[in-house]
Amino acid sequence: MTTAMPPSHEALKVPEVMTALRLSRSKVYDLIRSKQLASFTSGRARRVPVDAVRQYMRNRIEESD
């Protein structure tokens, strides 16, 4: 399974996460607030580790089984 995540990035911007997961901006921030999607800030910029996006997808797949 391939994702829309850039292979050279370790952390993604929120718009990149939106594209990768095909979710709205508010849904991505809801996932971050509810601790379903790990993130960190660097200055004022919010970043989501690529591994956190992959883990979120794995968790969703496991929940649907």
Protein backbone atom coordinates (compact mmCIF):
# COMPACT_ATOMS: atom_id res chain seq x y z
CA MET A 1 0.00 0.00 0.00
CA THR A 2 1.43 3.36 -0.97
CA THR A 3 0.63 6.68 0.61
CA ALA A 4 0.77 10.26 -0.60
CA MET A 5 3.52 11.08 1.88
CA PRO A 6 6.76 12.52 0.54
CA PRO A 7 9.46 9.88 1.07
CA SER A 8 12.14 12.38 2.08
CA HIS A 9 10.22 13.98 4.94
CA GLU A 10 10.31 12.80 8.55
CA ALA A 11 7.54 15.15 9.64
CA LEU A 12 4.63 16.52 7.68
CA LYS A 13 2.78 19.82 7.71
CA VAL A 14 -0.94 19.67 8.45
CA PRO A 15 -1.89 20.21 4.77
CA GLU A 16 0.34 17.25 3.83
CA VAL A 17 -1.41 15.09 6.44
CA MET A 18 -4.75 16.26 5.04
CA THR A 19 -3.70 15.08 1.59
CA ALA A 20 -2.23 11.80 2.80
CA LEU A 21 -5.32 10.86 4.83
CA ARG A 22 -7.83 12.70 2.62
CA LEU A 23 -9.29 14.47 5.63
CA SER A 24 -10.29 18.05 6.31
CA ARG A 25 -8.12 20.44 8.27
CA SER A 26 -10.53 20.42 11.20
CA LYS A 27 -10.59 16.60 11.29
CA VAL A 28 -6.77 16.46 11.38
CA TYR A 29 -6.72 18.93 14.28
CA ASP A 30 -9.48 16.92 16.03
CA LEU A 31 -7.28 13.81 15.76
CA ILE A 32 -4.32 15.73 17.17
CA ARG A 33 -6.38 17.14 20.06
CA SER A 34 -7.78 13.70 20.92
CA LYS A 35 -4.26 12.19 20.89
CA GLN A 36 -5.17 9.81 18.06
CA LEU A 37 -2.49 11.43 15.92
CA ALA A 38 0.82 12.40 17.50
CA SER A 39 2.29 15.79 16.67
CA PHE A 40 4.69 18.44 17.89
CA THR A 41 5.27 22.13 17.37
CA SER A 42 8.38 23.85 16.15
CA GLY A 43 7.90 27.51 16.90
CA ARG A 44 4.37 28.17 15.69
CA ALA A 45 4.41 25.35 13.13
CA ARG A 46 2.59 22.08 13.86
CA ARG A 47 4.28 18.95 12.51
CA VAL A 48 3.15 15.31 12.41
CA PRO A 49 5.78 12.57 12.23
CA VAL A 50 5.37 10.29 9.21
CA ASP A 51 5.42 7.30 11.57
CA ALA A 52 2.46 8.78 13.49
CA VAL A 53 0.42 8.94 10.28
CA ARG A 54 1.32 5.34 9.45
CA GLN A 55 0.44 4.23 13.00
CA TYR A 56 -2.92 6.03 12.79
CA MET A 57 -3.68 4.19 9.54
CA ARG A 58 -2.67 0.83 11.06
CA ASN A 59 -4.91 1.49 14.06
CA ARG A 60 -7.87 2.36 11.83
CA ILE A 61 -7.34 -0.82 9.80
CA GLU A 62 -7.19 -2.95 12.97
CA GLU A 63 -10.38 -1.32 14.28
CA SER A 64 -12.24 -2.14 11.10
CA ASP A 65 -11.39 -5.85 11.25
